[in-house]
Amino acid sequence: MALDNLISVSFSKTDLETIDKAIQDIQSVLIGKTINLTPDQRQQYGRIAEQNKLFVNKAKTYMEQYTQYVPPFLDKAEFDKDYTAREQIEQRLQQMDSLAEQLSDTKVLLDHDNYHNSISFYRNIRFLSEENVPGTNVIYDDMRQFFVTTQTPQQIQTPPSSTDPNTPS
């Protein structure tokens, strides 16, 4: 049975060089401006939910309208700098998330096509090996290692008894 090819895409050398250059450019701009948190730090600081973003936006608006109420220990200039940088990053992060999702989804379809075509090839090699076509036994022996399963005594299924209520009559 022929398999449907879910996707067909290719990248020229120039395409890949352009993508790689753009990624390198982004990485070089971000040097010294971004950090990597440990898993514990990610859990400690977390992310603010949409509701909390609305709260921050509201607080910023009020701080700008009622400067006399901003506590002297709060560095408003640093708050504004952080706020602006967060907005700038968030906009670009949404664009990059969209690109990452597109690349990931495309890769899923490519993986699917490659795997199913590989299965077809393996089945054909198995058939040819069973027919003793010269040179196919080595290929079959090498590839069948991916399909060998070992069963433990708990995994071996016993046929249901005739008194089993789940057995169809």
N, C-alpha and C. Protein backbone atom coordinates (compact mmCIF):
# COMPACT_ATOMS: atom_id res chain seq x y z
N MET A 1 0.85 -1.18 0.00
CA MET A 1 0.00 0.00 0.00
C MET A 1 0.89 1.24 0.00
N ALA A 2 0.66 2.13 -0.92
CA ALA A 2 1.45 3.36 -0.99
C ALA A 2 1.04 4.29 0.14
N LEU A 3 2.03 4.95 0.68
CA LEU A 3 1.76 5.89 1.76
C LEU A 3 1.61 7.30 1.22
N ASP A 4 0.72 8.05 1.83
CA ASP A 4 0.60 9.45 1.47
C ASP A 4 1.79 10.21 2.02
N ASN A 5 2.33 11.07 1.20
CA ASN A 5 3.40 11.95 1.64
C ASN A 5 2.72 13.17 2.25
N LEU A 6 2.81 13.33 3.55
CA LEU A 6 2.08 14.40 4.22
C LEU A 6 2.68 15.78 3.96
N ILE A 7 3.98 15.81 3.65
CA ILE A 7 4.62 17.10 3.42
C ILE A 7 5.83 16.90 2.53
N SER A 8 6.11 17.90 1.75
CA SER A 8 7.31 17.89 0.92
C SER A 8 7.90 19.28 0.98
N VAL A 9 9.05 19.37 1.59
CA VAL A 9 9.69 20.68 1.76
C VAL A 9 11.19 20.48 1.60
N SER A 10 11.84 21.50 1.10
CA SER A 10 13.30 21.45 1.03
C SER A 10 13.83 22.86 1.23
N PHE A 11 15.06 22.92 1.70
CA PHE A 11 15.72 24.20 1.93
C PHE A 11 16.98 24.24 1.08
N SER A 12 17.17 25.34 0.40
CA SER A 12 18.41 25.50 -0.37
C SER A 12 19.53 25.84 0.61
N LYS A 13 20.74 25.72 0.13
CA LYS A 13 21.90 26.08 0.95
C LYS A 13 21.79 27.55 1.37
N THR A 14 21.33 28.39 0.45
CA THR A 14 21.16 29.81 0.75
C THR A 14 20.08 30.03 1.82
N ASP A 15 18.97 29.28 1.72
CA ASP A 15 17.92 29.37 2.75
C ASP A 15 18.50 29.07 4.13
N LEU A 16 19.24 27.97 4.22
CA LEU A 16 19.79 27.57 5.52
C LEU A 16 20.82 28.57 6.03
N GLU A 17 21.63 29.09 5.14
CA GLU A 17 22.61 30.11 5.53
C GLU A 17 21.91 31.36 6.04
N THR A 18 20.83 31.75 5.39
CA THR A 18 20.07 32.93 5.81
C THR A 18 19.46 32.71 7.19
N ILE A 19 18.86 31.54 7.39
CA ILE A 19 18.26 31.22 8.70
C ILE A 19 19.34 31.20 9.77
N ASP A 20 20.45 30.51 9.49
CA ASP A 20 21.55 30.42 10.47
C ASP A 20 22.11 31.79 10.81
N LYS A 21 22.26 32.64 9.81
CA LYS A 21 22.78 34.00 10.04
C LYS A 21 21.81 34.79 10.90
N ALA A 22 20.51 34.68 10.63
CA ALA A 22 19.51 35.40 11.43
C ALA A 22 19.55 34.93 12.89
N ILE A 23 19.68 33.63 13.08
CA ILE A 23 19.76 33.09 14.46
C ILE A 23 21.02 33.59 15.13
N GLN A 24 22.14 33.57 14.43
CA GLN A 24 23.40 34.07 15.00
C GLN A 24 23.30 35.55 15.35
N ASP A 25 22.65 36.32 14.47
CA ASP A 25 22.47 37.75 14.74
C ASP A 25 21.66 37.96 16.01
N ILE A 26 20.58 37.20 16.16
CA ILE A 26 19.75 37.30 17.37
C ILE A 26 20.57 36.93 18.60
N GLN A 27 21.30 35.82 18.51
CA GLN A 27 22.11 35.39 19.63
C GLN A 27 23.15 36.45 20.02
N SER A 28 23.77 37.07 19.04
CA SER A 28 24.80 38.07 19.37
C SER A 28 24.19 39.31 20.01
N VAL A 29 23.00 39.70 19.58
CA VAL A 29 22.34 40.86 20.21
C VAL A 29 21.97 40.55 21.66
N LEU A 30 21.61 39.29 21.94
CA LEU A 30 21.14 38.92 23.27
C LEU A 30 22.26 38.63 24.27
N ILE A 31 23.50 38.52 23.79
CA ILE A 31 24.62 38.24 24.71
C ILE A 31 24.68 39.31 25.79
N GLY A 32 24.67 38.88 27.02
CA GLY A 32 24.74 39.79 28.15
C GLY A 32 23.41 40.43 28.52
N LYS A 33 22.36 40.12 27.76
CA LYS A 33 21.05 40.72 28.04
C LYS A 33 20.04 39.69 28.50
N THR A 34 20.37 38.43 28.34
CA THR A 34 19.45 37.37 28.78
C THR A 34 20.18 36.45 29.74
N ILE A 35 19.42 35.69 30.47
CA ILE A 35 19.99 34.73 31.43
C ILE A 35 19.30 33.40 31.28
N ASN A 36 19.92 32.38 31.82
CA ASN A 36 19.31 31.05 31.92
C ASN A 36 19.08 30.75 33.38
N LEU A 37 17.83 30.50 33.72
CA LEU A 37 17.50 30.14 35.09
C LEU A 37 17.65 28.63 35.27
N THR A 38 17.96 28.23 36.48
CA THR A 38 17.95 26.81 36.81
C THR A 38 16.49 26.39 36.95
N PRO A 39 16.22 25.09 36.90
CA PRO A 39 14.83 24.66 37.12
C PRO A 39 14.27 25.15 38.45
N ASP A 40 15.10 25.15 39.49
CA ASP A 40 14.63 25.64 40.80
C ASP A 40 14.30 27.13 40.75
N GLN A 41 15.13 27.90 40.05
CA GLN A 41 14.86 29.33 39.92
C GLN A 41 13.58 29.58 39.11
N ARG A 42 13.38 28.77 38.07
CA ARG A 42 12.14 28.92 37.28
C ARG A 42 10.92 28.69 38.16
N GLN A 43 11.04 27.68 39.02
CA GLN A 43 9.93 27.38 39.92
C GLN A 43 9.78 28.49 40.95
N GLN A 44 10.89 29.00 41.45
CA GLN A 44 10.85 30.06 42.46
C GLN A 44 10.21 31.34 41.93
N TYR A 45 10.63 31.75 40.74
CA TYR A 45 10.14 33.02 40.20
C TYR A 45 8.88 32.85 39.36
N GLY A 46 8.75 31.73 38.72
CA GLY A 46 7.56 31.45 37.93
C GLY A 46 7.31 32.49 36.86
N ARG A 47 6.10 32.52 36.40
CA ARG A 47 5.67 33.49 35.40
C ARG A 47 4.43 34.18 35.93
N ILE A 48 4.27 35.43 35.55
CA ILE A 48 3.04 36.08 35.97
C ILE A 48 1.95 35.76 34.96
N ALA A 49 0.79 35.45 35.47
CA ALA A 49 -0.35 35.11 34.63
C ALA A 49 -0.92 36.39 34.01
N GLU A 50 -1.80 36.22 33.07
CA GLU A 50 -2.41 37.37 32.39
C GLU A 50 -3.05 38.33 33.38
N GLN A 51 -3.69 37.79 34.40
CA GLN A 51 -4.33 38.64 35.41
C GLN A 51 -3.29 39.53 36.09
N ASN A 52 -2.12 38.95 36.37
CA ASN A 52 -1.07 39.73 37.03
C ASN A 52 -0.43 40.74 36.08
N LYS A 53 -0.40 40.42 34.79
CA LYS A 53 0.10 41.40 33.82
C LYS A 53 -0.83 42.61 33.80
N LEU A 54 -2.13 42.35 33.87
CA LEU A 54 -3.09 43.46 33.93
C LEU A 54 -2.87 44.31 35.18
N PHE A 55 -2.56 43.63 36.28
CA PHE A 55 -2.28 44.33 37.54
C PHE A 55 -1.05 45.23 37.39
N VAL A 56 0.02 44.68 36.78
CA VAL A 56 1.24 45.46 36.58
C VAL A 56 0.96 46.66 35.67
N ASN A 57 0.20 46.43 34.61
CA ASN A 57 -0.14 47.53 33.70
C ASN A 57 -0.92 48.63 34.43
N LYS A 58 -1.85 48.21 35.27
CA LYS A 58 -2.66 49.17 36.03
C LYS A 58 -1.78 49.94 37.01
N ALA A 59 -0.88 49.23 37.70
CA ALA A 59 0.02 49.89 38.64
C ALA A 59 0.90 50.90 37.92
N LYS A 60 1.41 50.55 36.75
CA LYS A 60 2.25 51.49 35.98
C LYS A 60 1.45 52.75 35.64
N THR A 61 0.23 52.56 35.18
CA THR A 61 -0.61 53.70 34.83
C THR A 61 -0.81 54.62 36.03
N TYR A 62 -1.13 54.04 37.18
CA TYR A 62 -1.35 54.85 38.39
C TYR A 62 -0.06 55.50 38.88
N MET A 63 1.06 54.79 38.76
CA MET A 63 2.34 55.40 39.18
C MET A 63 2.66 56.62 38.34
N GLU A 64 2.28 56.58 37.05
CA GLU A 64 2.54 57.72 36.18
C GLU A 64 1.55 58.86 36.44
N GLN A 65 0.32 58.53 36.81
CA GLN A 65 -0.69 59.56 37.08
C GLN A 65 -0.51 60.18 38.46
N TYR A 66 -0.09 59.36 39.41
CA TYR A 66 0.00 59.81 40.81
C TYR A 66 1.42 59.59 41.33
N THR A 67 2.34 60.35 40.76
CA THR A 67 3.75 60.17 41.12
C THR A 67 4.01 60.42 42.60
N GLN A 68 3.17 61.21 43.24
CA GLN A 68 3.36 61.51 44.66
C GLN A 68 3.15 60.29 45.55
N TYR A 69 2.48 59.25 45.02
CA TYR A 69 2.21 58.05 45.82
C TYR A 69 3.24 56.93 45.59
N VAL A 70 4.16 57.15 44.68
CA VAL A 70 5.20 56.15 44.46
C VAL A 70 6.15 56.21 45.64
N PRO A 71 6.34 55.09 46.35
CA PRO A 71 7.20 55.12 47.53
C PRO A 71 8.64 55.47 47.16
N PRO A 72 9.32 56.18 48.02
CA PRO A 72 10.69 56.62 47.70
C PRO A 72 11.68 55.45 47.55
N PHE A 73 11.37 54.30 48.14
CA PHE A 73 12.27 53.14 48.04
C PHE A 73 12.09 52.38 46.72
N LEU A 74 11.05 52.74 45.95
CA LEU A 74 10.81 52.09 44.67
C LEU A 74 11.51 52.91 43.58
N ASP A 75 12.41 52.27 42.85
CA ASP A 75 13.14 52.93 41.77
C ASP A 75 12.26 52.93 40.53
N LYS A 76 11.51 54.01 40.34
CA LYS A 76 10.55 54.10 39.23
C LYS A 76 11.24 54.04 37.88
N ALA A 77 12.41 54.62 37.76
CA ALA A 77 13.14 54.58 36.49
C ALA A 77 13.50 53.14 36.13
N GLU A 78 13.92 52.36 37.12
CA GLU A 78 14.25 50.95 36.88
C GLU A 78 12.99 50.15 36.57
N PHE A 79 11.89 50.45 37.26
CA PHE A 79 10.61 49.81 36.97
C PHE A 79 10.24 50.04 35.51
N ASP A 80 10.32 51.31 35.06
CA ASP A 80 9.97 51.65 33.68
C ASP A 80 10.89 50.94 32.68
N LYS A 81 12.17 50.88 33.00
CA LYS A 81 13.13 50.20 32.12
C LYS A 81 12.78 48.72 32.00
N ASP A 82 12.50 48.06 33.15
CA ASP A 82 12.12 46.65 33.15
C ASP A 82 10.80 46.43 32.40
N TYR A 83 9.86 47.33 32.60
CA TYR A 83 8.56 47.23 31.96
C TYR A 83 8.70 47.30 30.44
N THR A 84 9.47 48.27 29.97
CA THR A 84 9.67 48.44 28.52
C THR A 84 10.38 47.22 27.94
N ALA A 85 11.43 46.74 28.61
CA ALA A 85 12.18 45.58 28.11
C ALA A 85 11.27 44.34 28.08
N ARG A 86 10.41 44.18 29.09
CA ARG A 86 9.50 43.04 29.11
C ARG A 86 8.56 43.10 27.91
N GLU A 87 8.02 44.27 27.63
CA GLU A 87 7.13 44.42 26.48
C GLU A 87 7.87 44.12 25.17
N GLN A 88 9.09 44.63 25.05
CA GLN A 88 9.88 44.40 23.84
C GLN A 88 10.17 42.91 23.65
N ILE A 89 10.54 42.25 24.72
CA ILE A 89 10.84 40.82 24.65
C ILE A 89 9.58 40.03 24.35
N GLU A 90 8.48 40.38 25.01
CA GLU A 90 7.24 39.63 24.84
C GLU A 90 6.77 39.66 23.38
N GLN A 91 6.87 40.80 22.73
CA GLN A 91 6.47 40.90 21.33
C GLN A 91 7.31 39.97 20.45
N ARG A 92 8.60 39.99 20.67
CA ARG A 92 9.48 39.14 19.86
C ARG A 92 9.34 37.67 20.22
N LEU A 93 9.09 37.41 21.48
CA LEU A 93 8.91 36.02 21.93
C LEU A 93 7.67 35.41 21.28
N GLN A 94 6.61 36.18 21.14
CA GLN A 94 5.41 35.68 20.47
C GLN A 94 5.71 35.33 19.02
N GLN A 95 6.49 36.16 18.36
CA GLN A 95 6.87 35.88 16.97
C GLN A 95 7.74 34.63 16.90
N MET A 96 8.69 34.52 17.81
CA MET A 96 9.58 33.36 17.81
C MET A 96 8.84 32.09 18.20
N ASP A 97 7.89 32.20 19.14
CA ASP A 97 7.07 31.04 19.50
C ASP A 97 6.28 30.54 18.29
N SER A 98 5.75 31.48 17.51
CA SER A 98 5.01 31.10 16.31
C SER A 98 5.93 30.40 15.31
N LEU A 99 7.12 30.93 15.13
CA LEU A 99 8.09 30.29 14.22
C LEU A 99 8.48 28.91 14.74
N ALA A 100 8.73 28.81 16.05
CA ALA A 100 9.12 27.52 16.63
C ALA A 100 8.00 26.50 16.46
N GLU A 101 6.76 26.93 16.63
CA GLU A 101 5.63 26.02 16.45
C GLU A 101 5.53 25.57 14.99
N GLN A 102 5.73 26.48 14.06
CA GLN A 102 5.68 26.12 12.64
C GLN A 102 6.78 25.12 12.30
N LEU A 103 7.99 25.38 12.79
CA LEU A 103 9.10 24.45 12.54
C LEU A 103 8.83 23.10 13.19
N SER A 104 8.33 23.12 14.41
CA SER A 104 8.04 21.88 15.13
C SER A 104 6.97 21.06 14.42
N ASP A 105 5.89 21.72 14.01
CA ASP A 105 4.81 21.02 13.31
C ASP A 105 5.29 20.44 11.98
N THR A 106 6.11 21.20 11.28
CA THR A 106 6.67 20.72 10.01
C THR A 106 7.55 19.50 10.26
N LYS A 107 8.36 19.57 11.32
CA LYS A 107 9.24 18.45 11.67
C LYS A 107 8.42 17.21 12.03
N VAL A 108 7.29 17.39 12.71
CA VAL A 108 6.42 16.25 13.05
C VAL A 108 5.98 15.52 11.78
N LEU A 109 5.54 16.28 10.79
CA LEU A 109 5.10 15.65 9.54
C LEU A 109 6.26 15.00 8.78
N LEU A 110 7.41 15.66 8.80
CA LEU A 110 8.59 15.06 8.16
C LEU A 110 9.00 13.78 8.87
N ASP A 111 8.99 13.80 10.21
CA ASP A 111 9.30 12.59 10.99
C ASP A 111 8.32 11.47 10.65
N HIS A 112 7.04 11.81 10.56
CA HIS A 112 6.01 10.83 10.24
C HIS A 112 6.28 10.20 8.88
N ASP A 113 6.51 11.05 7.87
CA ASP A 113 6.81 10.54 6.54
C ASP A 113 8.04 9.65 6.54
N ASN A 114 9.11 10.12 7.18
CA ASN A 114 10.36 9.35 7.21
C ASN A 114 10.18 8.01 7.92
N TYR A 115 9.48 8.01 9.04
CA TYR A 115 9.29 6.77 9.80
C TYR A 115 8.48 5.76 8.99
N HIS A 116 7.38 6.20 8.43
CA HIS A 116 6.52 5.27 7.70
C HIS A 116 7.18 4.76 6.41
N ASN A 117 7.97 5.58 5.77
CA ASN A 117 8.73 5.11 4.62
C ASN A 117 9.82 4.13 5.05
N SER A 118 10.41 4.37 6.20
CA SER A 118 11.42 3.45 6.73
C SER A 118 10.80 2.10 7.07
N ILE A 119 9.59 2.11 7.62
CA ILE A 119 8.86 0.87 7.91
C ILE A 119 8.61 0.11 6.62
N SER A 120 8.19 0.82 5.57
CA SER A 120 7.95 0.17 4.28
C SER A 120 9.24 -0.47 3.76
N PHE A 121 10.34 0.25 3.87
CA PHE A 121 11.62 -0.29 3.43
C PHE A 121 11.98 -1.53 4.25
N TYR A 122 11.80 -1.45 5.57
CA TYR A 122 12.12 -2.59 6.43
C TYR A 122 11.27 -3.81 6.07
N ARG A 123 9.99 -3.60 5.84
CA ARG A 123 9.12 -4.73 5.48
C ARG A 123 9.56 -5.36 4.16
N ASN A 124 9.96 -4.53 3.23
CA ASN A 124 10.43 -5.05 1.95
C ASN A 124 11.73 -5.83 2.14
N ILE A 125 12.65 -5.30 2.95
CA ILE A 125 13.91 -6.02 3.23
C ILE A 125 13.62 -7.34 3.92
N ARG A 126 12.68 -7.34 4.86
CA ARG A 126 12.32 -8.58 5.55
C ARG A 126 11.80 -9.61 4.54
N PHE A 127 10.92 -9.17 3.64
CA PHE A 127 10.40 -10.06 2.61
C PHE A 127 11.54 -10.60 1.73
N LEU A 128 12.39 -9.70 1.27
CA LEU A 128 13.49 -10.11 0.40
C LEU A 128 14.44 -11.06 1.12
N SER A 129 14.67 -10.83 2.40
CA SER A 129 15.54 -11.70 3.19
C SER A 129 14.91 -13.09 3.32
N GLU A 130 13.58 -13.12 3.54
CA GLU A 130 12.89 -14.40 3.63
C GLU A 130 12.94 -15.15 2.30
N GLU A 131 13.06 -14.42 1.22
CA GLU A 131 13.18 -15.03 -0.12
C GLU A 131 14.64 -15.30 -0.48
N ASN A 132 15.56 -15.08 0.47
CA ASN A 132 16.99 -15.32 0.30
C ASN A 132 17.61 -14.53 -0.85
N VAL A 133 17.17 -13.29 -1.03
CA VAL A 133 17.78 -12.41 -2.02
C VAL A 133 19.17 -12.05 -1.50
N PRO A 134 20.21 -12.27 -2.28
CA PRO A 134 21.57 -12.01 -1.82
C PRO A 134 21.77 -10.59 -1.29
N GLY A 135 22.43 -10.49 -0.15
CA GLY A 135 22.77 -9.20 0.46
C GLY A 135 21.71 -8.61 1.36
N THR A 136 20.53 -9.21 1.41
CA THR A 136 19.46 -8.62 2.21
C THR A 136 19.46 -9.11 3.65
N ASN A 137 20.05 -10.27 3.92
CA ASN A 137 20.05 -10.80 5.29
C ASN A 137 20.81 -9.88 6.24
N VAL A 138 21.93 -9.35 5.80
CA VAL A 138 22.73 -8.46 6.65
C VAL A 138 21.92 -7.20 6.99
N ILE A 139 21.25 -6.65 5.99
CA ILE A 139 20.44 -5.45 6.21
C ILE A 139 19.29 -5.77 7.16
N TYR A 140 18.61 -6.86 6.91
CA TYR A 140 17.48 -7.26 7.76
C TYR A 140 17.93 -7.48 9.20
N ASP A 141 19.03 -8.23 9.38
CA ASP A 141 19.53 -8.50 10.74
C ASP A 141 19.89 -7.21 11.46
N ASP A 142 20.45 -6.25 10.75
CA ASP A 142 20.81 -4.98 11.37
C ASP A 142 19.58 -4.17 11.74
N MET A 143 18.57 -4.19 10.91
CA MET A 143 17.39 -3.37 11.16
C MET A 143 16.41 -4.00 12.15
N ARG A 144 16.36 -5.32 12.21
CA ARG A 144 15.34 -5.95 13.07
C ARG A 144 15.63 -5.73 14.55
N GLN A 145 16.83 -5.30 14.90
CA GLN A 145 17.14 -5.03 16.30
C GLN A 145 16.21 -3.97 16.89
N PHE A 146 15.64 -3.13 16.04
CA PHE A 146 14.75 -2.08 16.52
C PHE A 146 13.36 -2.61 16.86
N PHE A 147 13.10 -3.87 16.52
CA PHE A 147 11.77 -4.44 16.73
C PHE A 147 11.79 -5.63 17.66
N VAL A 148 12.94 -5.94 18.23
CA VAL A 148 13.05 -7.06 19.16
C VAL A 148 12.53 -6.61 20.51
N THR A 149 11.60 -7.37 21.06
CA THR A 149 11.10 -7.07 22.39
C THR A 149 11.36 -8.27 23.27
N THR A 150 11.63 -7.98 24.51
CA THR A 150 11.79 -9.07 25.47
C THR A 150 10.61 -9.00 26.42
N GLN A 151 10.04 -10.15 26.69
CA GLN A 151 8.88 -10.20 27.56
C GLN A 151 9.29 -10.79 28.90
N THR A 152 8.83 -10.16 29.95
CA THR A 152 8.99 -10.72 31.27
C THR A 152 7.79 -11.61 31.53
N PRO A 153 7.88 -12.50 32.50
CA PRO A 153 6.74 -13.39 32.77
C PRO A 153 5.42 -12.64 33.00
N GLN A 154 5.49 -11.42 33.59
CA GLN A 154 4.26 -10.67 33.84
C GLN A 154 3.65 -10.17 32.54
N GLN A 155 4.45 -9.99 31.48
CA GLN A 155 3.94 -9.45 30.24
C GLN A 155 3.29 -10.50 29.35
N ILE A 156 3.58 -11.76 29.60
CA ILE A 156 3.04 -12.83 28.77
C ILE A 156 1.56 -12.97 29.10
N GLN A 157 0.74 -12.86 28.08
CA GLN A 157 -0.71 -12.91 28.25
C GLN A 157 -1.18 -14.36 28.22
N THR A 158 -2.05 -14.70 29.12
CA THR A 158 -2.68 -16.02 29.07
C THR A 158 -4.06 -15.85 28.46
N PRO A 159 -4.50 -16.80 27.68
CA PRO A 159 -5.82 -16.66 27.07
C PRO A 159 -6.90 -16.61 28.14
N PRO A 160 -7.93 -15.81 27.94
CA PRO A 160 -9.00 -15.73 28.94
C PRO A 160 -9.74 -17.07 29.05
N SER A 161 -10.16 -17.36 30.25
CA SER A 161 -10.90 -18.60 30.47
C SER A 161 -12.33 -18.44 29.98
N SER A 162 -12.99 -19.55 29.78
CA SER A 162 -14.37 -19.48 29.27
C SER A 162 -15.32 -18.95 30.32
N THR A 163 -14.87 -18.91 31.60
CA THR A 163 -15.73 -18.37 32.66
C THR A 163 -15.51 -16.89 32.85
N ASP A 164 -14.57 -16.31 32.11
CA ASP A 164 -14.29 -14.88 32.23
C ASP A 164 -15.47 -14.10 31.68
N PRO A 165 -16.08 -13.18 32.50
CA PRO A 165 -17.27 -12.45 32.05
C PRO A 165 -16.94 -11.46 30.92
N ASN A 166 -15.66 -11.11 30.74
CA ASN A 166 -15.30 -10.18 29.70
C ASN A 166 -15.03 -10.85 28.36
N THR A 167 -15.07 -12.16 28.35
CA THR A 167 -14.81 -12.89 27.12
C THR A 167 -16.08 -12.93 26.29
N PRO A 168 -15.99 -12.52 25.01
CA PRO A 168 -17.20 -12.57 24.18
C PRO A 168 -17.61 -14.02 23.94
N SER A 169 -18.89 -14.24 23.88
CA SER A 169 -19.41 -15.60 23.66
C SER A 169 -19.55 -15.89 22.21
